[in-house]
Amino acid sequence: MNTKNDQYDFIKTLSLLKDEQLIEKFNQQVGNQGWGNARAYYLEEIRKELLKRNFKSDNIITRHKMSLTKKIKLENNQLVIIE
């Protein structure tokens, strides 16, 4: 029997991405005004994966939310906002 989230199984591949690829996935969402269940789930999985990697990220990501106002890059294991 299928669960409600079976349609979002593609998100499991986020853990297989290199750091730079994951950050690119994040950056692709900056400025995107679209919304829906699939996107909400996708963004939550990106947030979780970034937290799992133990980057210093408190300026962008907290335990319960993530800012998508500006693009980021990785420098010395820290997520840095691109101005």
N, C-alpha and C. Protein backbone atom coordinates (compact mmCIF):
# COMPACT_ATOMS: atom_id res chain seq x y z
N MET A 1 0.84 -1.18 0.00
CA MET A 1 0.00 0.00 0.00
C MET A 1 0.89 1.25 0.00
N ASN A 2 0.54 2.22 -0.79
CA ASN A 2 1.32 3.46 -0.90
C ASN A 2 0.97 4.41 0.23
N THR A 3 1.98 5.11 0.71
CA THR A 3 1.73 6.16 1.69
C THR A 3 1.59 7.48 0.96
N LYS A 4 1.09 8.46 1.66
CA LYS A 4 0.86 9.78 1.06
C LYS A 4 2.16 10.36 0.49
N ASN A 5 3.29 10.11 1.13
CA ASN A 5 4.55 10.73 0.71
C ASN A 5 5.33 9.92 -0.31
N ASP A 6 4.78 8.78 -0.77
CA ASP A 6 5.48 7.99 -1.80
C ASP A 6 5.77 8.83 -3.04
N GLN A 7 4.90 9.76 -3.35
CA GLN A 7 5.10 10.59 -4.54
C GLN A 7 6.32 11.49 -4.42
N TYR A 8 6.85 11.66 -3.23
CA TYR A 8 7.98 12.54 -2.99
C TYR A 8 9.29 11.76 -2.76
N ASP A 9 9.33 10.51 -3.14
CA ASP A 9 10.50 9.67 -2.89
C ASP A 9 11.78 10.22 -3.51
N PHE A 10 11.67 11.05 -4.56
CA PHE A 10 12.85 11.61 -5.20
C PHE A 10 13.69 12.42 -4.21
N ILE A 11 13.09 12.88 -3.16
CA ILE A 11 13.80 13.72 -2.19
C ILE A 11 14.87 12.91 -1.44
N LYS A 12 14.70 11.62 -1.34
CA LYS A 12 15.69 10.77 -0.65
C LYS A 12 17.07 10.89 -1.29
N THR A 13 17.11 11.30 -2.53
CA THR A 13 18.40 11.43 -3.21
C THR A 13 19.21 12.62 -2.71
N LEU A 14 18.61 13.52 -1.94
CA LEU A 14 19.36 14.67 -1.43
C LEU A 14 20.57 14.24 -0.62
N SER A 15 20.44 13.16 0.12
CA SER A 15 21.56 12.70 0.95
C SER A 15 22.74 12.21 0.12
N LEU A 16 22.49 11.90 -1.15
CA LEU A 16 23.55 11.41 -2.03
C LEU A 16 24.31 12.54 -2.72
N LEU A 17 23.81 13.76 -2.62
CA LEU A 17 24.44 14.89 -3.31
C LEU A 17 25.70 15.35 -2.61
N LYS A 18 26.63 15.86 -3.37
CA LYS A 18 27.80 16.53 -2.80
C LYS A 18 27.32 17.83 -2.19
N ASP A 19 28.12 18.39 -1.29
CA ASP A 19 27.74 19.63 -0.61
C ASP A 19 27.36 20.74 -1.60
N GLU A 20 28.18 20.92 -2.62
CA GLU A 20 27.94 21.98 -3.59
C GLU A 20 26.64 21.76 -4.35
N GLN A 21 26.32 20.50 -4.63
CA GLN A 21 25.07 20.19 -5.34
C GLN A 21 23.85 20.47 -4.46
N LEU A 22 23.96 20.16 -3.18
CA LEU A 22 22.87 20.43 -2.25
C LEU A 22 22.64 21.93 -2.13
N ILE A 23 23.71 22.69 -2.04
CA ILE A 23 23.60 24.14 -1.95
C ILE A 23 22.99 24.71 -3.23
N GLU A 24 23.29 24.13 -4.36
CA GLU A 24 22.68 24.56 -5.62
C GLU A 24 21.17 24.30 -5.60
N LYS A 25 20.75 23.18 -5.03
CA LYS A 25 19.32 22.88 -4.90
C LYS A 25 18.64 23.96 -4.04
N PHE A 26 19.31 24.35 -2.95
CA PHE A 26 18.80 25.44 -2.10
C PHE A 26 18.69 26.72 -2.91
N ASN A 27 19.76 27.09 -3.58
CA ASN A 27 19.81 28.35 -4.33
C ASN A 27 18.77 28.42 -5.45
N GLN A 28 18.41 27.28 -6.01
CA GLN A 28 17.37 27.25 -7.04
C GLN A 28 16.01 27.65 -6.49
N GLN A 29 15.84 27.54 -5.19
CA GLN A 29 14.56 27.87 -4.57
C GLN A 29 14.46 29.34 -4.13
N VAL A 30 15.59 30.04 -4.07
CA VAL A 30 15.58 31.44 -3.67
C VAL A 30 14.82 32.25 -4.73
N GLY A 31 13.84 33.04 -4.28
CA GLY A 31 13.05 33.86 -5.18
C GLY A 31 11.87 33.14 -5.81
N ASN A 32 11.76 31.84 -5.60
CA ASN A 32 10.64 31.07 -6.14
C ASN A 32 9.41 31.37 -5.29
N GLN A 33 8.38 31.94 -5.90
CA GLN A 33 7.17 32.31 -5.17
C GLN A 33 6.11 31.21 -5.19
N GLY A 34 6.34 30.15 -5.93
CA GLY A 34 5.38 29.06 -6.01
C GLY A 34 5.25 28.35 -4.67
N TRP A 35 4.10 27.72 -4.45
CA TRP A 35 3.92 26.99 -3.21
C TRP A 35 2.99 25.81 -3.43
N GLY A 36 3.16 24.80 -2.65
CA GLY A 36 2.33 23.61 -2.70
C GLY A 36 2.89 22.57 -1.75
N ASN A 37 2.17 21.49 -1.58
CA ASN A 37 2.61 20.44 -0.65
C ASN A 37 3.95 19.83 -1.04
N ALA A 38 4.12 19.57 -2.32
CA ALA A 38 5.37 18.95 -2.77
C ALA A 38 6.55 19.88 -2.51
N ARG A 39 6.40 21.16 -2.78
CA ARG A 39 7.50 22.10 -2.55
C ARG A 39 7.78 22.25 -1.06
N ALA A 40 6.76 22.31 -0.25
CA ALA A 40 6.95 22.41 1.20
C ALA A 40 7.73 21.21 1.72
N TYR A 41 7.38 20.04 1.26
CA TYR A 41 8.08 18.82 1.66
C TYR A 41 9.53 18.84 1.17
N TYR A 42 9.72 19.25 -0.05
CA TYR A 42 11.05 19.35 -0.65
C TYR A 42 11.94 20.30 0.14
N LEU A 43 11.43 21.48 0.47
CA LEU A 43 12.21 22.46 1.23
C LEU A 43 12.54 21.95 2.63
N GLU A 44 11.60 21.26 3.24
CA GLU A 44 11.85 20.68 4.56
C GLU A 44 12.97 19.65 4.50
N GLU A 45 12.99 18.86 3.45
CA GLU A 45 14.05 17.86 3.30
C GLU A 45 15.40 18.51 3.01
N ILE A 46 15.42 19.58 2.25
CA ILE A 46 16.68 20.32 2.04
C ILE A 46 17.18 20.86 3.37
N ARG A 47 16.29 21.45 4.17
CA ARG A 47 16.66 22.00 5.47
C ARG A 47 17.25 20.90 6.37
N LYS A 48 16.56 19.78 6.43
CA LYS A 48 17.04 18.66 7.26
C LYS A 48 18.42 18.17 6.81
N GLU A 49 18.60 18.06 5.50
CA GLU A 49 19.87 17.56 4.98
C GLU A 49 21.00 18.55 5.26
N LEU A 50 20.74 19.84 5.13
CA LEU A 50 21.77 20.84 5.45
C LEU A 50 22.13 20.76 6.93
N LEU A 51 21.15 20.56 7.80
CA LEU A 51 21.42 20.43 9.23
C LEU A 51 22.21 19.16 9.55
N LYS A 52 21.90 18.06 8.87
CA LYS A 52 22.62 16.80 9.08
C LYS A 52 24.11 16.93 8.80
N ARG A 53 24.44 17.80 7.87
CA ARG A 53 25.84 17.94 7.47
C ARG A 53 26.64 18.82 8.42
N ASN A 54 26.01 19.32 9.44
CA ASN A 54 26.68 20.08 10.50
C ASN A 54 27.43 21.31 10.01
N PHE A 55 26.90 21.95 8.99
CA PHE A 55 27.46 23.23 8.58
C PHE A 55 27.09 24.27 9.64
N LYS A 56 27.93 25.26 9.83
CA LYS A 56 27.54 26.39 10.67
C LYS A 56 26.53 27.17 9.82
N SER A 57 25.29 27.21 10.30
CA SER A 57 24.22 27.73 9.45
C SER A 57 23.17 28.54 10.20
N ASP A 58 23.46 28.92 11.43
CA ASP A 58 22.44 29.59 12.25
C ASP A 58 21.97 30.92 11.68
N ASN A 59 22.69 31.49 10.74
CA ASN A 59 22.26 32.74 10.11
C ASN A 59 21.22 32.50 9.01
N ILE A 60 21.02 31.24 8.62
CA ILE A 60 20.11 30.90 7.54
C ILE A 60 19.07 29.86 7.97
N ILE A 61 19.51 28.90 8.77
CA ILE A 61 18.65 27.77 9.12
C ILE A 61 18.58 27.63 10.64
N THR A 62 17.36 27.44 11.13
CA THR A 62 17.17 27.11 12.53
C THR A 62 16.52 25.73 12.58
N ARG A 63 16.26 25.28 13.74
CA ARG A 63 15.67 23.95 13.90
C ARG A 63 14.31 23.83 13.20
N HIS A 64 13.58 24.94 13.10
CA HIS A 64 12.22 24.87 12.57
C HIS A 64 11.96 25.70 11.32
N LYS A 65 12.94 26.47 10.85
CA LYS A 65 12.69 27.27 9.65
C LYS A 65 13.98 27.53 8.88
N MET A 66 13.81 28.03 7.66
CA MET A 66 14.94 28.29 6.79
C MET A 66 14.61 29.53 5.95
N SER A 67 15.56 30.44 5.85
CA SER A 67 15.38 31.65 5.06
C SER A 67 15.74 31.38 3.60
N LEU A 68 14.86 31.78 2.71
CA LEU A 68 15.10 31.64 1.27
C LEU A 68 15.17 33.00 0.60
N THR A 69 15.62 34.02 1.32
CA THR A 69 15.66 35.37 0.76
C THR A 69 16.91 35.63 -0.07
N LYS A 70 18.01 34.92 0.23
CA LYS A 70 19.26 35.14 -0.51
C LYS A 70 19.96 33.82 -0.76
N LYS A 71 20.73 33.78 -1.82
CA LYS A 71 21.51 32.60 -2.15
C LYS A 71 22.67 32.45 -1.17
N ILE A 72 23.19 31.25 -1.09
CA ILE A 72 24.26 30.94 -0.15
C ILE A 72 25.41 30.24 -0.87
N LYS A 73 26.53 30.16 -0.15
CA LYS A 73 27.68 29.37 -0.59
C LYS A 73 28.31 28.78 0.65
N LEU A 74 29.18 27.80 0.45
CA LEU A 74 29.86 27.14 1.55
C LEU A 74 31.30 27.61 1.61
N GLU A 75 31.70 28.14 2.76
CA GLU A 75 33.08 28.56 3.00
C GLU A 75 33.52 28.05 4.36
N ASN A 76 34.56 27.24 4.38
CA ASN A 76 35.10 26.72 5.64
C ASN A 76 34.03 26.10 6.52
N ASN A 77 33.20 25.26 5.93
CA ASN A 77 32.11 24.55 6.60
C ASN A 77 31.03 25.48 7.17
N GLN A 78 30.94 26.68 6.65
CA GLN A 78 29.92 27.63 7.07
C GLN A 78 29.09 28.06 5.87
N LEU A 79 27.78 28.11 6.03
CA LEU A 79 26.90 28.63 4.98
C LEU A 79 26.91 30.14 5.07
N VAL A 80 27.30 30.77 3.98
CA VAL A 80 27.48 32.22 3.92
C VAL A 80 26.50 32.78 2.90
N ILE A 81 25.85 33.88 3.26
CA ILE A 81 24.93 34.56 2.35
C ILE A 81 25.72 35.25 1.26
N ILE A 82 25.28 35.10 0.02
CA ILE A 82 25.90 35.79 -1.10
C ILE A 82 25.20 37.13 -1.23
N GLU A 83 25.94 38.20 -1.05
CA GLU A 83 25.36 39.55 -1.11
C GLU A 83 25.28 40.05 -2.53
